[in-house]
Amino acid sequence: MKPPGARFIESLAANLIYWQEQIGQLTDARMHKFIEEQANIILAVELGVALPATRIKAAELLLLTYPYIERGGYWQRWAPLFEKATAIEQSPLLSARLLNRQGQLLRLMQQSDLAMALHKKAETLAQSAGDQQALAEVWFNLSIDYWQRHVYEQAEIYGQKALSVFQTLPDSQRWQASMLNTLGLISQHRGRLVEAQARLQQSITLWRQFDEPTELARVLNNLGNVYYEQDQLEAALKYYRQALELLAPTESALDKAEVFVNLGALYFKWEQYDRAEMALRQANSPALRRSGNFRLRALLAQNLGNTLLKQNQLVESEKYLRQSLALWQQLGDDLMLANTVGTLAEALAGQGQYETAVAHYDSALRLLDKFPANNWAKALTEEFTIGKSIIDSLATEPKAGGQLKGSVDR
């Protein structure tokens, strides 16, 4: 097979530059243009990565495209391209940036160990390149990696290191805002809720300087979660509504779904089950169902199952709980799986399937035994033990299990 001719390479290089210009002009409101042209952009990157003369331009286009890949949930579709690009020898700086984004995609796809390994490699390359911006961007991701592993002290250390660098660099307010959002989530999960509110408010102030409705909405959603956690539900509702108002004209379907799931949890807590169901059904969009965000899909199905169970719609509740169960099994999340299995037992008991319900309670309790120090697991163990004893005494009135909320950090 003959190598590509000079004319082809020249045409390909021009095509890559064209797509860089087009992506550079995109906004949240025009993301539909990316969705419409996605196949053409993928083809340009695939061809460009394969040829030495166009490799750098293809890699630069890949990096420029990342925010729209992430927001659209097209993680699985683009991950192989990042893998191809990082497998080819590039400059240390370009390799570091590619590995950093590849790690983010893998983390979104629940491949957390590989994501952290790539970020550690990117850290070494950024240090060797002597580029403080790239290094701080990697530290930003390592902070999230440790946060998701519940290693909050390390998450805080990396986050503060990244923030201190971003604060010294020009035109880095967006990165400062993103880092403050992550630091707010770290504070929240350490139980420092006042500190979490302060950090998230700082992030909001920075994001309001830019036309970035999706990013601003993510922080407002997270702030709503902090207020929800403190049972300040009116304040939480205010921030969820602000987030949805910002997201309404955008194509950020996964972010909309995330907020609607949280809004559904809020109405559930208020015992307004019809409103909870309405919010959750709005979250259940075609974009979410075809996305790689299996965790949000599992959480949504769980919460819909809970809400329908409360309204005594037992058959449909069972359908959604079984969907959630399959997704948690796929993700390997035994704590969330236990929650779903125990709630499914309640739905089955409500339909008179007592023997099957008892078996599901037993399965849920075995799963919960893996988490002896987890407070939520202890509460579920108590709830499901009582539920099982009720079935044993043939009192079959169902009650809904727990639900979690979604915090947004990419």
Protein backbone atom coordinates (compact mmCIF):
# COMPACT_ATOMS: atom_id res chain seq x y z
CA MET A 1 0.00 0.00 0.00
CA LYS A 2 1.41 3.38 -1.01
CA PRO A 3 1.95 5.99 1.71
CA PRO A 4 -0.36 9.01 1.59
CA GLY A 5 0.71 11.59 -0.94
CA ALA A 6 1.68 15.16 -0.18
CA ARG A 7 -1.65 16.47 -1.49
CA PHE A 8 -3.61 14.19 0.86
CA ILE A 9 -1.50 15.21 3.85
CA GLU A 10 -1.91 18.88 2.98
CA SER A 11 -5.68 18.42 2.65
CA LEU A 12 -5.87 16.54 5.95
CA ALA A 13 -3.85 19.22 7.76
CA ALA A 14 -6.19 21.90 6.39
CA ASN A 15 -9.19 19.86 7.53
CA LEU A 16 -7.79 19.58 11.06
CA ILE A 17 -7.18 23.33 11.19
CA TYR A 18 -10.74 23.92 9.96
CA TRP A 19 -12.19 21.77 12.75
CA GLN A 20 -9.99 23.48 15.32
CA GLU A 21 -11.44 26.81 14.23
CA GLN A 22 -15.00 25.46 14.34
CA ILE A 23 -14.61 23.90 17.81
CA GLY A 24 -12.91 27.07 19.06
CA GLN A 25 -16.07 29.05 18.22
CA LEU A 26 -18.46 26.69 20.02
CA THR A 27 -20.44 27.65 23.10
CA ASP A 28 -22.87 25.70 25.27
CA ALA A 29 -25.73 27.11 23.22
CA ARG A 30 -24.15 25.86 19.96
CA MET A 31 -23.13 22.40 21.15
CA HIS A 32 -25.64 20.89 18.73
CA LYS A 33 -23.14 21.78 16.00
CA PHE A 34 -20.61 19.46 17.63
CA ILE A 35 -23.20 16.70 17.91
CA GLU A 36 -24.13 17.08 14.24
CA GLU A 37 -20.52 17.03 13.04
CA GLN A 38 -19.11 14.57 15.55
CA ALA A 39 -18.56 11.74 13.04
CA ASN A 40 -16.61 14.05 10.72
CA ILE A 41 -14.42 15.31 13.59
CA ILE A 42 -13.71 11.74 14.71
CA LEU A 43 -12.66 10.79 11.18
CA ALA A 44 -10.34 13.80 10.95
CA VAL A 45 -8.69 12.92 14.27
CA GLU A 46 -8.35 9.22 13.37
CA LEU A 47 -6.64 10.03 10.08
CA GLY A 48 -4.55 12.80 11.62
CA VAL A 49 -3.23 10.72 14.54
CA ALA A 50 -2.08 7.99 12.14
CA LEU A 51 0.32 10.24 10.20
CA PRO A 52 3.50 11.81 11.64
CA ALA A 53 2.95 15.04 9.68
CA THR A 54 -0.48 15.67 11.17
CA ARG A 55 -0.17 14.06 14.61
CA ILE A 56 0.28 17.26 16.57
CA LYS A 57 -2.66 19.02 14.89
CA ALA A 58 -4.86 15.96 15.53
CA ALA A 59 -3.83 15.86 19.20
CA GLU A 60 -4.54 19.58 19.59
CA LEU A 61 -8.00 19.11 18.05
CA LEU A 62 -8.64 16.21 20.43
CA LEU A 63 -7.78 18.39 23.43
CA LEU A 64 -9.90 21.26 22.15
CA THR A 65 -12.88 18.93 21.69
CA TYR A 66 -12.69 17.36 25.16
CA PRO A 67 -15.23 19.62 26.98
CA TYR A 68 -17.95 18.75 24.45
CA ILE A 69 -17.13 15.04 24.57
CA GLU A 70 -17.45 15.15 28.34
CA ARG A 71 -20.65 17.20 28.48
CA GLY A 72 -22.35 15.12 25.81
CA GLY A 73 -21.54 11.80 27.50
CA TYR A 74 -19.69 10.50 24.43
CA TRP A 75 -16.94 9.04 26.59
CA GLN A 76 -16.84 5.52 25.21
CA ARG A 77 -16.91 6.75 21.64
CA TRP A 78 -13.86 8.99 22.04
CA ALA A 79 -11.78 7.03 24.57
CA PRO A 80 -10.12 4.87 21.85
CA LEU A 81 -8.91 8.03 20.08
CA PHE A 82 -7.24 9.30 23.26
CA GLU A 83 -5.69 5.87 23.69
CA LYS A 84 -4.27 6.00 20.14
CA ALA A 85 -2.96 9.53 20.63
CA THR A 86 -1.23 8.74 23.94
CA ALA A 87 0.31 5.55 22.53
CA ILE A 88 2.29 7.62 20.02
CA GLU A 89 5.44 9.41 21.14
CA GLN A 90 4.79 13.14 21.51
CA SER A 91 6.55 15.95 23.32
CA PRO A 92 6.40 15.60 27.14
CA LEU A 93 4.02 18.56 27.41
CA LEU A 94 1.58 17.34 24.75
CA SER A 95 1.71 13.80 26.13
CA ALA A 96 0.97 15.12 29.63
CA ARG A 97 -2.08 17.04 28.40
CA LEU A 98 -3.40 14.05 26.45
CA LEU A 99 -2.89 11.65 29.36
CA ASN A 100 -4.59 14.10 31.69
CA ARG A 101 -7.75 14.21 29.56
CA GLN A 102 -7.64 10.46 28.84
CA GLY A 103 -7.57 9.86 32.59
CA GLN A 104 -10.60 12.10 33.05
CA LEU A 105 -12.56 10.10 30.48
CA LEU A 106 -11.61 6.81 32.11
CA ARG A 107 -12.61 8.13 35.52
CA LEU A 108 -16.02 9.06 34.12
CA MET A 109 -16.25 5.48 32.82
CA GLN A 110 -15.55 4.20 36.38
CA GLN A 111 -12.02 3.00 35.53
CA SER A 112 -10.58 4.83 38.50
CA ASP A 113 -7.36 2.84 38.99
CA LEU A 114 -6.25 3.31 35.39
CA ALA A 115 -7.31 6.97 35.50
CA MET A 116 -5.09 7.65 38.50
CA ALA A 117 -2.17 5.77 36.93
CA LEU A 118 -2.45 7.96 33.82
CA HIS A 119 -2.62 11.11 35.92
CA LYS A 120 0.51 10.09 37.85
CA LYS A 121 2.30 9.53 34.53
CA ALA A 122 1.05 12.90 33.29
CA GLU A 123 2.36 14.53 36.47
CA THR A 124 5.87 13.20 35.80
CA LEU A 125 5.77 14.40 32.18
CA ALA A 126 4.45 17.86 33.12
CA GLN A 127 7.22 18.19 35.70
CA SER A 128 9.84 17.21 33.13
CA ALA A 129 8.39 19.74 30.69
CA GLY A 130 8.56 22.43 33.37
CA ASP A 131 5.06 23.67 32.53
CA GLN A 132 3.24 24.94 35.63
CA GLN A 133 -0.16 25.24 33.92
CA ALA A 134 -0.10 21.62 32.74
CA LEU A 135 1.16 20.45 36.12
CA ALA A 136 -1.62 22.29 37.96
CA GLU A 137 -4.19 20.78 35.59
CA VAL A 138 -2.90 17.30 36.44
CA TRP A 139 -3.00 18.11 40.17
CA PHE A 140 -6.60 19.22 39.67
CA ASN A 141 -7.42 15.75 38.36
CA LEU A 142 -5.45 13.95 41.05
CA SER A 143 -7.46 15.90 43.61
CA ILE A 144 -10.67 14.53 42.08
CA ASP A 145 -9.16 11.02 41.88
CA TYR A 146 -8.43 11.02 45.61
CA TRP A 147 -11.79 12.64 46.43
CA GLN A 148 -13.62 9.84 44.64
CA ARG A 149 -11.57 7.31 46.60
CA HIS A 150 -12.55 9.10 49.85
CA VAL A 151 -8.88 9.88 50.57
CA TYR A 152 -9.79 13.42 51.48
CA GLU A 153 -6.49 14.59 52.96
CA GLN A 154 -4.59 13.80 49.75
CA ALA A 155 -7.41 15.28 47.69
CA GLU A 156 -7.13 18.52 49.68
CA ILE A 157 -3.34 18.63 49.30
CA TYR A 158 -3.45 18.25 45.52
CA GLY A 159 -6.35 20.68 45.26
CA GLN A 160 -4.57 23.38 47.24
CA LYS A 161 -1.37 22.89 45.25
CA ALA A 162 -3.28 23.28 42.00
CA LEU A 163 -5.21 26.33 43.23
CA SER A 164 -2.04 28.07 44.40
CA VAL A 165 -0.54 27.68 40.91
CA PHE A 166 -3.70 28.74 39.08
CA GLN A 167 -3.85 31.89 41.20
CA THR A 168 -0.41 32.95 39.91
CA LEU A 169 -1.10 32.34 36.20
CA PRO A 170 -2.81 34.73 33.78
CA ASP A 171 -6.20 33.80 32.28
CA SER A 172 -6.70 30.93 34.70
CA GLN A 173 -9.89 32.05 36.43
CA ARG A 174 -11.84 29.18 34.88
CA TRP A 175 -9.40 26.68 36.37
CA GLN A 176 -9.58 28.47 39.71
CA ALA A 177 -13.37 28.21 39.60
CA SER A 178 -13.23 24.50 38.77
CA MET A 179 -10.71 23.83 41.52
CA LEU A 180 -12.78 25.69 44.11
CA ASN A 181 -15.77 23.58 43.09
CA THR A 182 -13.77 20.41 43.76
CA LEU A 183 -12.44 21.76 47.04
CA GLY A 184 -16.04 22.51 48.02
CA LEU A 185 -16.99 18.88 47.35
CA ILE A 186 -14.03 17.70 49.41
CA SER A 187 -15.15 19.91 52.31
CA GLN A 188 -18.70 18.61 51.99
CA HIS A 189 -17.59 14.99 52.19
CA ARG A 190 -15.43 15.77 55.22
CA GLY A 191 -18.50 17.17 56.97
CA ARG A 192 -17.25 20.77 56.80
CA LEU A 193 -20.42 22.18 55.33
CA VAL A 194 -19.85 25.86 56.11
CA GLU A 195 -16.44 25.64 54.44
CA ALA A 196 -18.03 23.80 51.51
CA GLN A 197 -20.58 26.60 51.05
CA ALA A 198 -17.86 29.26 51.11
CA ARG A 199 -15.75 27.48 48.52
CA LEU A 200 -18.69 26.82 46.22
CA GLN A 201 -19.80 30.45 46.51
CA GLN A 202 -16.28 31.54 45.52
CA SER A 203 -16.49 29.26 42.50
CA ILE A 204 -19.88 30.68 41.54
CA THR A 205 -18.55 34.24 41.74
CA LEU A 206 -15.73 33.36 39.34
CA TRP A 207 -17.96 31.46 36.89
CA ARG A 208 -20.41 34.37 36.71
CA GLN A 209 -17.69 36.34 34.87
CA PHE A 210 -17.95 33.99 31.88
CA ASP A 211 -20.56 32.70 29.48
CA GLU A 212 -20.29 29.15 30.84
CA PRO A 213 -23.82 28.15 31.85
CA THR A 214 -23.04 24.43 32.22
CA GLU A 215 -20.07 24.99 34.51
CA LEU A 216 -21.97 27.53 36.62
CA ALA A 217 -24.98 25.21 36.82
CA ARG A 218 -22.77 22.37 38.08
CA VAL A 219 -21.58 24.45 41.03
CA LEU A 220 -25.12 25.69 41.80
CA ASN A 221 -26.27 22.06 41.80
CA ASN A 222 -23.48 21.12 44.20
CA LEU A 223 -24.36 24.04 46.47
CA GLY A 224 -27.97 22.89 46.43
CA ASN A 225 -26.76 19.47 47.62
CA VAL A 226 -24.90 21.04 50.54
CA TYR A 227 -28.07 22.83 51.65
CA TYR A 228 -30.08 19.63 51.13
CA GLU A 229 -27.66 17.82 53.42
CA GLN A 230 -28.41 20.39 56.12
CA ASP A 231 -32.19 19.99 55.59
CA GLN A 232 -32.38 23.57 54.29
CA LEU A 233 -34.66 22.39 51.52
CA GLU A 234 -36.01 25.77 50.39
CA ALA A 235 -32.45 26.98 49.80
CA ALA A 236 -31.60 23.74 48.00
CA LEU A 237 -34.66 24.13 45.77
CA LYS A 238 -33.60 27.68 44.88
CA TYR A 239 -30.18 26.54 43.66
CA TYR A 240 -31.54 23.54 41.76
CA ARG A 241 -33.98 25.82 39.96
CA GLN A 242 -31.21 28.30 39.12
CA ALA A 243 -29.13 25.43 37.71
CA LEU A 244 -32.01 24.17 35.55
CA GLU A 245 -32.73 27.67 34.27
CA LEU A 246 -29.12 28.00 33.12
CA LEU A 247 -29.11 24.55 31.54
CA ALA A 248 -32.45 24.89 29.74
CA PRO A 249 -31.08 26.41 26.48
CA THR A 250 -28.01 24.13 26.42
CA GLU A 251 -27.42 20.62 25.07
CA SER A 252 -25.91 19.51 28.39
CA ALA A 253 -28.41 16.68 28.83
CA LEU A 254 -26.43 14.77 31.47
CA ASP A 255 -26.14 17.86 33.66
CA LYS A 256 -29.87 18.45 33.34
CA ALA A 257 -30.48 14.84 34.36
CA GLU A 258 -28.20 15.22 37.37
CA VAL A 259 -30.12 18.24 38.66
CA PHE A 260 -33.50 16.63 38.00
CA VAL A 261 -32.40 13.58 40.00
CA ASN A 262 -31.50 15.84 42.92
CA LEU A 263 -34.74 17.76 42.55
CA GLY A 264 -36.60 14.45 42.64
CA ALA A 265 -34.79 13.51 45.86
CA LEU A 266 -35.81 16.84 47.38
CA TYR A 267 -39.49 16.37 46.54
CA PHE A 268 -39.24 12.78 47.80
CA LYS A 269 -37.97 14.11 51.13
CA TRP A 270 -40.92 16.52 51.20
CA GLU A 271 -43.17 13.49 50.53
CA GLN A 272 -44.41 15.16 47.35
CA TYR A 273 -44.14 11.92 45.41
CA ASP A 274 -46.00 13.05 42.31
CA ARG A 275 -43.56 15.96 41.89
CA ALA A 276 -40.64 13.68 42.61
CA GLU A 277 -41.80 11.31 39.88
CA MET A 278 -42.23 14.18 37.43
CA ALA A 279 -38.69 15.46 38.05
CA LEU A 280 -37.19 11.98 37.74
CA ARG A 281 -39.01 11.27 34.49
CA GLN A 282 -37.59 14.52 33.11
CA ALA A 283 -34.15 13.22 34.04
CA ASN A 284 -34.80 9.99 32.14
CA SER A 285 -33.89 11.46 28.74
CA PRO A 286 -32.80 9.58 25.60
CA ALA A 287 -29.39 11.27 25.90
CA LEU A 288 -28.89 9.83 29.38
CA ARG A 289 -30.05 6.36 28.35
CA ARG A 290 -27.51 6.17 25.52
CA SER A 291 -24.70 7.76 27.52
CA GLY A 292 -21.80 6.10 29.29
CA ASN A 293 -22.89 7.55 32.64
CA PHE A 294 -23.97 4.22 34.12
CA ARG A 295 -23.82 5.55 37.68
CA LEU A 296 -26.34 8.32 37.06
CA ARG A 297 -28.54 5.90 35.11
CA ALA A 298 -28.44 3.46 38.02
CA LEU A 299 -29.20 6.20 40.55
CA LEU A 300 -32.11 7.51 38.48
CA ALA A 301 -33.63 4.04 38.12
CA GLN A 302 -33.23 3.47 41.87
CA ASN A 303 -34.94 6.74 42.74
CA LEU A 304 -37.75 6.18 40.26
CA GLY A 305 -38.27 2.75 41.81
CA ASN A 306 -38.40 4.31 45.30
CA THR A 307 -40.86 6.99 44.23
CA LEU A 308 -43.17 4.59 42.43
CA LEU A 309 -43.05 2.25 45.41
CA LYS A 310 -44.25 5.08 47.65
CA GLN A 311 -47.19 5.57 45.26
CA ASN A 312 -47.95 1.83 45.34
CA GLN A 313 -47.13 1.43 41.64
CA LEU A 314 -45.43 -1.84 42.45
CA VAL A 315 -45.01 -3.45 39.03
CA GLU A 316 -43.40 -0.38 37.48
CA SER A 317 -41.33 0.15 40.62
CA GLU A 318 -39.97 -3.38 40.27
CA LYS A 319 -39.07 -2.72 36.63
CA TYR A 320 -36.92 0.30 37.46
CA LEU A 321 -35.34 -1.35 40.50
CA ARG A 322 -34.26 -4.31 38.37
CA GLN A 323 -32.72 -1.88 35.86
CA SER A 324 -30.83 -0.21 38.70
CA LEU A 325 -29.73 -3.57 40.11
CA ALA A 326 -28.20 -4.63 36.78
CA LEU A 327 -26.31 -1.34 36.47
CA TRP A 328 -24.90 -1.46 40.03
CA GLN A 329 -23.72 -5.02 39.35
CA GLN A 330 -22.01 -3.80 36.19
CA LEU A 331 -20.34 -0.99 38.15
CA GLY A 332 -19.32 -3.29 41.00
CA ASP A 333 -20.80 -0.96 43.62
CA ASP A 334 -21.94 -3.38 46.33
CA LEU A 335 -23.22 -0.73 48.74
CA MET A 336 -25.57 0.80 46.20
CA LEU A 337 -26.45 -2.69 44.98
CA ALA A 338 -27.47 -3.64 48.51
CA ASN A 339 -29.72 -0.56 48.71
CA THR A 340 -31.44 -1.50 45.45
CA VAL A 341 -31.80 -5.19 46.29
CA GLY A 342 -33.36 -4.35 49.66
CA THR A 343 -35.77 -1.86 48.08
CA LEU A 344 -36.68 -4.44 45.44
CA ALA A 345 -37.53 -6.83 48.29
CA GLU A 346 -40.08 -4.28 49.50
CA ALA A 347 -41.64 -4.02 46.04
CA LEU A 348 -41.83 -7.81 45.76
CA ALA A 349 -43.36 -8.14 49.22
CA GLY A 350 -46.01 -5.60 48.26
CA GLN A 351 -46.99 -7.92 45.40
CA GLY A 352 -47.29 -10.89 47.74
CA GLN A 353 -44.05 -12.53 46.61
CA TYR A 354 -42.94 -13.16 50.20
CA GLU A 355 -40.44 -15.96 49.67
CA THR A 356 -38.63 -14.06 46.89
CA ALA A 357 -38.70 -10.88 48.97
CA VAL A 358 -37.06 -12.64 51.93
CA ALA A 359 -34.34 -13.99 49.63
CA HIS A 360 -33.66 -10.45 48.37
CA TYR A 361 -33.50 -9.10 51.92
CA ASP A 362 -31.00 -11.82 52.81
CA SER A 363 -28.93 -10.95 49.74
CA ALA A 364 -28.97 -7.24 50.62
CA LEU A 365 -27.94 -7.92 54.22
CA ARG A 366 -25.02 -10.10 53.08
CA LEU A 367 -23.82 -7.27 50.87
CA LEU A 368 -24.14 -4.78 53.72
CA ASP A 369 -21.95 -6.98 55.93
CA LYS A 370 -19.02 -5.79 53.77
CA PHE A 371 -19.41 -2.25 55.16
CA PRO A 372 -19.36 -2.54 58.96
CA ALA A 373 -18.04 1.01 59.50
CA ASN A 374 -20.35 2.79 57.05
CA ASN A 375 -23.17 4.70 58.75
CA TRP A 376 -25.52 4.48 55.78
CA ALA A 377 -24.91 0.72 55.56
CA LYS A 378 -25.79 0.43 59.26
CA ALA A 379 -29.05 2.33 58.71
CA LEU A 380 -29.95 0.16 55.72
CA THR A 381 -29.15 -3.00 57.70
CA GLU A 382 -31.58 -1.92 60.40
CA GLU A 383 -34.24 -0.97 57.85
CA PHE A 384 -33.98 -4.18 55.86
CA THR A 385 -33.86 -6.36 58.99
CA ILE A 386 -37.13 -4.79 60.12
CA GLY A 387 -38.58 -5.22 56.63
CA LYS A 388 -37.71 -8.90 56.62
CA SER A 389 -39.26 -9.41 60.06
CA ILE A 390 -42.45 -7.70 58.89
CA ILE A 391 -42.74 -10.12 55.98
CA ASP A 392 -42.14 -12.99 58.35
CA SER A 393 -45.13 -11.80 60.36
CA LEU A 394 -47.12 -11.36 57.09
CA ALA A 395 -47.49 -7.58 57.47
CA THR A 396 -46.73 -6.57 53.90
CA GLU A 397 -47.10 -2.80 53.73
CA PRO A 398 -44.17 -1.54 51.56
CA LYS A 399 -41.94 1.35 52.37
CA ALA A 400 -39.32 2.95 50.15
CA GLY A 401 -35.59 2.60 50.66
CA GLY A 402 -32.91 5.23 50.57
CA GLN A 403 -31.60 7.35 47.76
CA LEU A 404 -28.41 9.25 47.07
CA LYS A 405 -27.81 12.56 45.39
CA GLY A 406 -25.54 13.45 42.54
CA SER A 407 -22.58 15.81 42.94
CA VAL A 408 -21.11 17.12 39.75
CA ASP A 409 -17.40 17.29 39.22
CA ARG A 410 -15.76 16.45 35.94
